[in-house]
Protein backbone atom coordinates (compact mmCIF):
# COMPACT_ATOMS: atom_id res chain seq x y z
CA MET A 1 12.92 -5.87 -7.38
CA GLU A 2 11.79 -8.53 -4.90
CA LEU A 3 9.20 -8.37 -2.12
CA ASN A 4 11.92 -8.06 0.54
CA ASP A 5 13.38 -5.07 -1.33
CA ILE A 6 9.99 -3.35 -1.28
CA ARG A 7 9.51 -4.22 2.40
CA SER A 8 12.87 -2.75 3.30
CA ARG A 9 11.87 0.56 1.70
CA TRP A 10 8.16 0.56 2.55
CA ASN A 11 8.57 3.29 5.19
CA GLU A 12 10.04 5.54 2.48
CA VAL A 13 6.91 4.94 0.41
CA LEU A 14 4.65 5.67 3.38
CA ASP A 15 6.58 8.84 4.26
CA ALA A 16 6.22 10.10 0.68
CA LEU A 17 2.55 9.15 0.66
CA LEU A 18 2.00 11.13 3.88
CA GLU A 19 3.48 14.22 2.22
CA ILE A 20 1.10 13.81 -0.74
CA ASP A 21 -2.17 12.87 0.96
CA ARG A 22 -2.73 12.07 4.64
CA ILE A 23 -6.04 10.30 3.94
CA THR A 24 -4.39 7.95 1.47
CA TRP A 25 -1.58 7.34 3.98
CA LEU A 26 -4.20 6.41 6.59
CA ALA A 27 -5.72 3.93 4.16
CA PHE A 28 -2.43 2.07 3.65
CA PHE A 29 -0.19 2.56 6.69
CA ASP A 30 -1.37 -0.69 8.30
CA ALA A 31 -1.09 -2.85 5.18
CA ARG A 32 1.07 -5.93 5.18
CA LEU A 33 2.95 -6.61 1.99
CA ALA A 34 1.69 -10.10 1.17
CA SER A 35 3.26 -10.88 -2.20
CA PHE A 36 4.88 -9.39 -5.29
CA ASP A 37 5.09 -11.21 -8.62
CA GLY A 38 7.17 -8.60 -10.40
CA LYS A 39 4.13 -6.58 -11.47
CA THR A 40 1.38 -6.89 -8.85
CA LEU A 41 1.92 -5.99 -5.21
CA THR A 42 -0.71 -7.66 -3.05
CA LEU A 43 -1.57 -5.99 0.22
CA ASP A 44 -3.09 -7.79 3.21
CA PHE A 45 -5.35 -5.88 5.59
CA SER A 46 -6.50 -8.82 7.73
CA ASP A 47 -4.87 -7.43 10.89
CA ALA A 48 -6.45 -4.03 10.31
CA ARG A 49 -9.87 -5.64 9.89
CA LYS A 50 -9.54 -7.39 13.27
CA LEU A 51 -9.21 -4.02 14.97
CA ALA A 52 -11.61 -2.06 12.78
CA GLY A 53 -14.59 -2.40 15.06
CA GLY A 54 -17.08 -2.82 12.26
CA HIS A 55 -15.47 -0.36 9.87
CA GLU A 56 -14.57 -1.66 6.45
CA TYR A 57 -12.35 0.53 4.29
CA SER A 58 -11.59 -1.74 1.33
CA GLU A 59 -13.85 0.19 -1.07
CA SER A 60 -12.28 3.50 -0.04
CA ARG A 61 -8.80 2.05 -0.47
CA LYS A 62 -9.54 0.92 -4.03
CA ARG A 63 -10.13 4.54 -5.03
CA GLN A 64 -6.68 5.41 -3.67
CA PHE A 65 -4.68 2.61 -5.29
CA GLY A 66 -3.58 4.98 -8.06
CA VAL A 67 -2.02 7.43 -5.60
CA LEU A 68 -0.11 4.58 -3.95
CA GLU A 69 1.02 3.19 -7.32
CA GLU A 70 2.29 6.64 -8.39
CA THR A 71 4.11 7.09 -5.09
CA ILE A 72 5.81 3.69 -5.43
CA LEU A 73 6.89 4.64 -8.95
CA ARG A 74 8.36 7.90 -7.68
CA VAL A 75 10.12 6.41 -4.64
CA LEU A 76 11.10 2.91 -5.80
CA GLU A 77 11.16 3.61 -9.54
CA ILE A 78 9.10 0.52 -10.41
CA GLU A 79 5.70 0.33 -12.07
CA ILE A 80 3.34 -1.91 -10.15
CA VAL A 81 -0.34 -2.69 -9.82
CA ILE A 82 -1.86 -2.83 -6.33
CA ALA A 83 -4.17 -5.70 -5.39
CA GLU A 84 -5.91 -6.41 -2.10
CA GLN A 85 -5.97 -9.85 -0.52
């Protein structure tokens, strides 16, 4: 699977994530898919940080990477590791 394949189905992942855990969905709904090397999906939150008004959620997101990884496995049927840019 390539990055464009994941991008084309990202809304499916987010919809499934919303059904599982709204808080985790909130942590990732504004992520940009920056890169994918076949194993690691790197997410970019630079746009979200511009609008955050002094709130930084990167530490909270790290605790929720596992939920996102499991959801991607269920929806896209690929095992990945999430990284943050």
